[in-house]
Amino acid sequence: MNMRITTLLFSLGLFTASVQAGVIVGGTRIVYNGSAREVSLSVKNADKSPYLIQAWADDNGADGKVKSANKPPFVATPPLFRLDEGTENLIRIIRTGGDFPQDRESVYWMNIKSIPSVARNNDKNVLQISVKTRIKLFYRPDGIQSPTEDDFNKVSFKRSQGKVEVINPTPYYISFYTLKVGGVLLDTTNVMVPPKASATYNYAGGKSSSDKVAWQFINDYGGNSKVIWSQLR
């Protein structure tokens, strides 16, 4: 038994994991205004070795698992490039078409994949891990101004068969930073409230009409708003 354990530990020791987290993407979301010719996103290598960077847009949903047959109307350029240590580069995102609604936002996703370099003449077994950063890309039609907190005061909340339904009459997507109903934190992971529509979230709270909703949304810069208080109907 001891011999088997020793052999296993020795084998594992030959397989060394090297996790490199040196690529910094300069934003957690992108807002593409309809009047703009393009937008840009910075990518910086704070590591001591180069990376290969791959960038592309998709329409595969928040978790990337809902494969869409539609080609996204955005391209990233350069789509593939080398990023040396200590350097920074800009990825340009250009609209290539698309028939967007003009009274509300549309959403896509940008993917930034960083692939670490492999040292030459390396006699060790090293696990190289590529990291993909996935951020929201909002298309905001020309004529729709940046949202204010007053815009979101129009949002309402009501009970719906053991869930909380959030009704959003604004032209903006709502990404929750926090959503609490009667002091209970709701899970809003990967579920935004679409513009001029609604979304539901699981809620195990009681049926008291005095339940208060305390919530914060994520703004254009990736920061969180102040707490907004609403009544659960």
Protein backbone atom coordinates (compact mmCIF):
# COMPACT_ATOMS: atom_id res chain seq x y z
CA MET A 1 0.00 0.00 0.00
CA ASN A 2 2.79 2.45 0.93
CA MET A 3 4.61 1.67 -2.29
CA ARG A 4 1.51 2.48 -4.37
CA ILE A 5 0.95 5.80 -2.60
CA THR A 6 4.58 6.82 -3.08
CA THR A 7 4.43 6.00 -6.77
CA LEU A 8 1.22 7.97 -7.20
CA LEU A 9 2.64 11.04 -5.47
CA PHE A 10 5.78 10.85 -7.57
CA SER A 11 3.71 10.68 -10.76
CA LEU A 12 1.62 13.66 -9.73
CA GLY A 13 4.76 15.61 -8.95
CA LEU A 14 5.80 15.37 -12.59
CA PHE A 15 2.57 17.05 -13.68
CA THR A 16 2.86 20.65 -12.50
CA ALA A 17 -0.04 23.09 -12.99
CA SER A 18 0.94 26.56 -14.01
CA VAL A 19 -1.97 28.98 -13.72
CA GLN A 20 -1.23 32.28 -15.39
CA ALA A 21 -3.61 35.15 -14.78
CA GLY A 22 -1.70 38.03 -16.27
CA VAL A 23 -4.09 39.23 -18.98
CA ILE A 24 -6.33 42.10 -17.90
CA VAL A 25 -9.40 43.02 -19.94
CA GLY A 26 -10.25 46.70 -19.60
CA GLY A 27 -13.96 46.43 -18.85
CA THR A 28 -16.77 44.18 -17.71
CA ARG A 29 -19.24 45.31 -20.38
CA ILE A 30 -19.32 47.23 -23.65
CA VAL A 31 -21.94 49.72 -24.77
CA TYR A 32 -22.02 50.27 -28.53
CA ASN A 33 -23.90 53.46 -29.31
CA GLY A 34 -25.76 53.43 -32.62
CA SER A 35 -24.07 56.61 -33.82
CA ALA A 36 -20.55 55.20 -33.30
CA ARG A 37 -18.45 53.73 -36.09
CA GLU A 38 -16.73 51.40 -33.63
CA VAL A 39 -15.86 50.87 -29.98
CA SER A 40 -12.63 49.60 -28.48
CA LEU A 41 -11.61 47.36 -25.59
CA SER A 42 -8.16 47.36 -24.05
CA VAL A 43 -6.27 44.16 -23.25
CA LYS A 44 -3.11 44.33 -21.13
CA ASN A 45 -0.51 41.67 -20.38
CA ALA A 46 0.76 42.14 -16.82
CA ASP A 47 2.57 38.80 -16.90
CA LYS A 48 6.22 38.05 -17.65
CA SER A 49 5.55 35.94 -20.72
CA PRO A 50 3.65 36.53 -23.97
CA TYR A 51 0.10 35.42 -24.71
CA LEU A 52 -1.86 34.69 -27.84
CA ILE A 53 -5.14 36.63 -27.72
CA GLN A 54 -8.24 35.59 -29.63
CA ALA A 55 -11.35 37.83 -29.75
CA TRP A 56 -14.82 37.27 -31.20
CA ALA A 57 -18.49 38.14 -30.70
CA ASP A 58 -21.38 35.69 -30.36
CA ASP A 59 -25.08 35.44 -29.67
CA ASN A 60 -24.96 32.29 -27.55
CA GLY A 61 -26.64 33.53 -24.39
CA ALA A 62 -25.31 34.55 -21.00
CA ASP A 63 -23.48 31.28 -20.30
CA GLY A 64 -22.47 30.65 -23.92
CA LYS A 65 -24.29 27.32 -24.04
CA VAL A 66 -27.22 28.32 -26.23
CA LYS A 67 -25.68 28.01 -29.67
CA SER A 68 -27.16 30.48 -32.11
CA ALA A 69 -27.34 29.87 -35.85
CA ASN A 70 -27.20 33.60 -36.48
CA LYS A 71 -23.92 35.26 -37.30
CA PRO A 72 -23.37 38.17 -34.90
CA PRO A 73 -23.34 41.59 -36.63
CA PHE A 74 -20.03 42.54 -35.00
CA VAL A 75 -16.42 41.70 -35.74
CA ALA A 76 -13.38 42.11 -33.52
CA THR A 77 -10.12 43.27 -35.04
CA PRO A 78 -7.50 42.05 -34.75
CA PRO A 79 -9.21 38.70 -34.12
CA LEU A 80 -5.93 36.99 -33.23
CA PHE A 81 -2.68 38.57 -32.07
CA ARG A 82 0.35 38.15 -29.85
CA LEU A 83 0.50 40.24 -26.68
CA ASP A 84 4.01 40.52 -25.30
CA GLU A 85 4.83 40.92 -21.63
CA GLY A 86 4.04 44.36 -20.19
CA THR A 87 2.26 45.55 -23.33
CA GLU A 88 -1.28 46.67 -24.07
CA ASN A 89 -3.37 46.49 -27.22
CA LEU A 90 -6.81 47.70 -28.31
CA ILE A 91 -9.41 45.42 -29.81
CA ARG A 92 -11.72 47.32 -32.17
CA ILE A 93 -15.32 46.15 -32.32
CA ILE A 94 -17.07 47.10 -35.54
CA ARG A 95 -20.71 46.69 -36.50
CA THR A 96 -21.05 44.83 -39.80
CA GLY A 97 -24.83 44.93 -40.24
CA GLY A 98 -27.85 43.77 -38.30
CA ASP A 99 -31.45 44.93 -38.13
CA PHE A 100 -31.76 46.22 -34.57
CA PRO A 101 -34.92 47.43 -32.81
CA GLN A 102 -34.70 51.19 -32.52
CA ASP A 103 -36.72 51.55 -29.31
CA ARG A 104 -34.60 49.33 -27.05
CA GLU A 105 -31.17 47.79 -26.48
CA SER A 106 -29.96 44.53 -28.00
CA VAL A 107 -27.37 42.29 -26.35
CA TYR A 108 -24.51 40.15 -27.62
CA TRP A 109 -21.32 38.87 -25.99
CA MET A 110 -17.63 39.49 -26.54
CA ASN A 111 -15.12 36.73 -25.87
CA ILE A 112 -11.46 37.34 -25.09
CA LYS A 113 -9.39 34.17 -24.92
CA SER A 114 -5.82 34.33 -23.60
CA ILE A 115 -3.52 31.43 -24.48
CA PRO A 116 -0.19 31.33 -22.61
CA SER A 117 3.07 30.65 -24.39
CA VAL A 118 5.02 27.44 -23.91
CA ALA A 119 8.71 27.76 -23.10
CA ARG A 120 11.05 26.05 -25.57
CA ASN A 121 13.30 23.23 -24.38
CA ASN A 122 11.16 22.81 -21.29
CA ASP A 123 11.74 19.31 -19.90
CA LYS A 124 8.92 19.59 -17.36
CA ASN A 125 5.30 18.56 -17.86
CA VAL A 126 3.40 21.82 -17.47
CA LEU A 127 -0.34 22.27 -17.69
CA GLN A 128 -1.03 25.40 -19.74
CA ILE A 129 -4.46 26.86 -19.08
CA SER A 130 -6.17 29.21 -21.52
CA VAL A 131 -8.64 31.62 -19.93
CA LYS A 132 -11.71 33.00 -21.69
CA THR A 133 -13.27 36.24 -20.51
CA ARG A 134 -16.86 36.72 -21.61
CA ILE A 135 -18.52 40.13 -21.29
CA LYS A 136 -21.81 41.67 -22.40
CA LEU A 137 -21.95 43.77 -25.54
CA PHE A 138 -24.98 46.08 -25.56
CA TYR A 139 -26.08 47.78 -28.75
CA ARG A 140 -27.89 51.02 -27.84
CA PRO A 141 -29.69 52.66 -30.79
CA ASP A 142 -28.98 56.25 -31.64
CA GLY A 143 -31.51 58.45 -29.84
CA ILE A 144 -31.61 56.42 -26.62
CA GLN A 145 -29.61 58.26 -23.99
CA SER A 146 -27.56 56.67 -21.23
CA PRO A 147 -29.84 55.50 -18.40
CA THR A 148 -30.17 57.28 -15.09
CA GLU A 149 -31.33 55.91 -11.77
CA ASP A 150 -34.61 57.76 -12.30
CA ASP A 151 -35.28 55.58 -15.35
CA PHE A 152 -35.16 52.47 -13.18
CA ASN A 153 -37.67 53.85 -10.67
CA LYS A 154 -40.26 52.75 -13.26
CA VAL A 155 -39.38 49.08 -12.68
CA SER A 156 -41.99 47.13 -10.69
CA PHE A 157 -42.07 43.79 -8.84
CA LYS A 158 -44.89 41.33 -8.25
CA ARG A 159 -45.47 37.77 -7.05
CA SER A 160 -45.99 35.14 -9.73
CA GLN A 161 -46.56 31.51 -8.70
CA GLY A 162 -43.87 31.31 -6.05
CA LYS A 163 -41.53 33.55 -7.99
CA VAL A 164 -40.86 37.26 -8.24
CA GLU A 165 -41.62 38.82 -11.61
CA VAL A 166 -39.69 41.96 -12.51
CA ILE A 167 -41.42 44.20 -15.05
CA ASN A 168 -39.08 46.48 -16.96
CA PRO A 169 -40.75 49.22 -19.05
CA THR A 170 -37.43 50.90 -19.88
CA PRO A 171 -35.45 50.47 -23.14
CA TYR A 172 -32.46 49.10 -21.17
CA TYR A 173 -31.39 45.65 -20.06
CA ILE A 174 -31.25 45.30 -16.28
CA SER A 175 -28.37 43.35 -14.76
CA PHE A 176 -28.84 43.03 -11.02
CA TYR A 177 -25.94 43.59 -8.65
CA THR A 178 -28.18 42.55 -5.76
CA LEU A 179 -31.89 41.78 -5.47
CA LYS A 180 -33.41 41.27 -2.03
CA VAL A 181 -37.08 40.69 -1.29
CA GLY A 182 -38.10 40.91 2.37
CA GLY A 183 -34.40 40.72 3.25
CA VAL A 184 -33.94 37.48 1.26
CA LEU A 185 -31.22 37.56 -1.41
CA LEU A 186 -32.44 36.19 -4.75
CA ASP A 187 -30.19 34.42 -7.24
CA THR A 188 -30.11 36.45 -10.47
CA THR A 189 -27.08 34.75 -12.03
CA ASN A 190 -27.09 34.90 -15.83
CA VAL A 191 -30.66 36.25 -15.94
CA MET A 192 -31.12 39.85 -17.07
CA VAL A 193 -34.46 41.61 -17.37
CA PRO A 194 -34.96 42.45 -21.05
CA PRO A 195 -36.10 45.93 -22.09
CA LYS A 196 -39.87 46.44 -22.31
CA ALA A 197 -40.36 42.92 -20.96
CA SER A 198 -40.08 40.92 -17.74
CA ALA A 199 -38.10 38.14 -16.04
CA THR A 200 -38.85 35.89 -13.06
CA TYR A 201 -36.65 34.78 -10.17
CA ASN A 202 -37.18 32.08 -7.57
CA TYR A 203 -38.40 33.36 -4.21
CA ALA A 204 -39.04 31.28 -1.11
CA GLY A 205 -40.34 34.17 1.00
CA GLY A 206 -43.73 34.61 2.61
CA LYS A 207 -46.85 36.28 1.26
CA SER A 208 -46.84 39.43 3.39
CA SER A 209 -48.00 42.48 1.44
CA SER A 210 -45.43 44.55 3.31
CA ASP A 211 -42.46 42.85 1.63
CA LYS A 212 -39.97 45.43 0.46
CA VAL A 213 -37.63 45.03 -2.50
CA ALA A 214 -34.10 46.39 -2.19
CA TRP A 215 -32.08 46.20 -5.36
CA GLN A 216 -29.07 47.53 -7.24
CA PHE A 217 -28.35 47.43 -10.95
CA ILE A 218 -25.00 47.37 -12.75
CA ASN A 219 -24.35 50.55 -14.69
CA ASP A 220 -22.62 51.20 -18.02
CA TYR A 221 -19.20 51.22 -16.34
CA GLY A 222 -19.61 47.93 -14.49
CA GLY A 223 -20.24 49.63 -11.15
CA ASN A 224 -23.28 49.17 -8.93
CA SER A 225 -26.01 51.74 -8.36
CA LYS A 226 -27.24 52.93 -5.00
CA VAL A 227 -29.93 50.81 -3.34
CA ILE A 228 -33.39 51.35 -4.84
CA TRP A 229 -36.44 50.51 -2.72
CA SER A 230 -39.61 49.13 -4.31
CA GLN A 231 -42.78 47.41 -3.13
CA LEU A 232 -43.57 43.79 -3.94
CA ARG A 233 -47.15 43.63 -5.21
